[in-house]
Protein backbone atom coordinates (compact mmCIF):
# COMPACT_ATOMS: atom_id res chain seq x y z
CA MET A 1 47.22 98.33 32.02
CA ARG A 2 47.77 101.96 31.79
CA VAL A 3 44.09 102.61 32.11
CA TRP A 4 43.80 100.40 35.10
CA LYS A 5 46.69 102.27 36.86
CA ALA A 6 45.23 105.65 36.06
CA PHE A 7 41.96 104.55 37.45
CA VAL A 8 43.42 103.33 40.60
CA LYS A 9 45.45 106.55 40.89
CA TRP A 10 42.15 108.49 40.42
CA LEU A 11 40.56 106.59 43.13
CA GLY A 12 43.23 107.35 45.57
CA ASP A 13 43.36 111.00 44.74
CA GLN A 14 41.57 113.54 46.95
CA PRO A 15 38.70 115.29 45.39
CA GLN A 16 39.64 118.81 44.10
CA GLY A 17 38.14 121.47 46.34
CA PHE A 18 38.28 119.51 49.65
CA GLY A 19 40.70 120.04 52.45
CA ALA A 20 42.24 117.18 54.55
CA ASP A 21 39.66 117.79 57.22
CA GLY A 22 36.89 117.26 54.95
CA ARG A 23 35.59 120.90 54.77
CA MET A 24 35.15 122.09 51.24
CA ILE A 25 37.33 124.95 49.86
CA GLY A 26 37.08 126.67 46.54
CA LEU A 27 38.57 125.10 43.47
CA SER A 28 40.53 128.36 42.88
CA LEU A 29 41.99 128.20 46.41
CA THR A 30 42.92 124.69 45.66
CA ALA A 31 44.65 125.60 42.25
CA ALA A 32 46.49 128.34 44.04
CA MET A 33 47.75 126.21 46.77
CA ASP A 34 48.93 123.46 44.08
CA LYS A 35 50.77 126.14 42.14
CA GLU A 36 52.35 127.38 45.35
CA ARG A 37 53.52 123.98 46.22
CA GLN A 38 55.05 123.58 42.63
CA GLN A 39 56.83 126.97 42.79
CA VAL A 40 58.33 126.11 46.31
CA VAL A 41 59.59 122.75 44.87
CA SER A 42 61.11 124.45 41.78
CA GLU A 43 62.85 127.07 43.96
CA ALA A 44 64.34 124.41 46.24
CA GLU A 45 65.37 122.37 43.27
CA GLY A 46 67.04 125.63 41.63
CA TYR A 47 68.71 126.22 44.96
CA LEU A 48 70.16 122.71 45.51
CA HIS A 49 71.25 122.55 41.90
CA GLY A 50 73.16 125.99 42.33
CA ARG A 51 74.69 124.64 45.55
CA SER A 52 75.82 121.45 43.76
CA ALA A 53 77.43 123.56 41.08
CA GLU A 54 79.19 125.70 43.50
CA THR A 55 80.53 122.62 45.34
CA ARG A 56 81.69 121.01 42.22
CA GLY A 57 83.37 124.25 41.10
CA SER A 58 85.23 124.69 44.40
CA ALA A 59 86.19 121.12 44.62
CA THR A 60 87.84 121.12 41.30
CA SER A 61 89.91 124.30 42.04
CA LEU A 62 91.60 122.66 45.07
């Protein structure tokens, strides 16, 4: 069953090296864009976790 799910996911994924409008972009540019997206997400998660800890810290000191 896992192989079937992986196959269906593979069918739905965009091919690497192609933009949303269908024009080809380089694989290195695709990899750089993916890395940038991951970095932005991790920064946002870190910020939200920090804000969450600040909120909990100030709420307990009341």
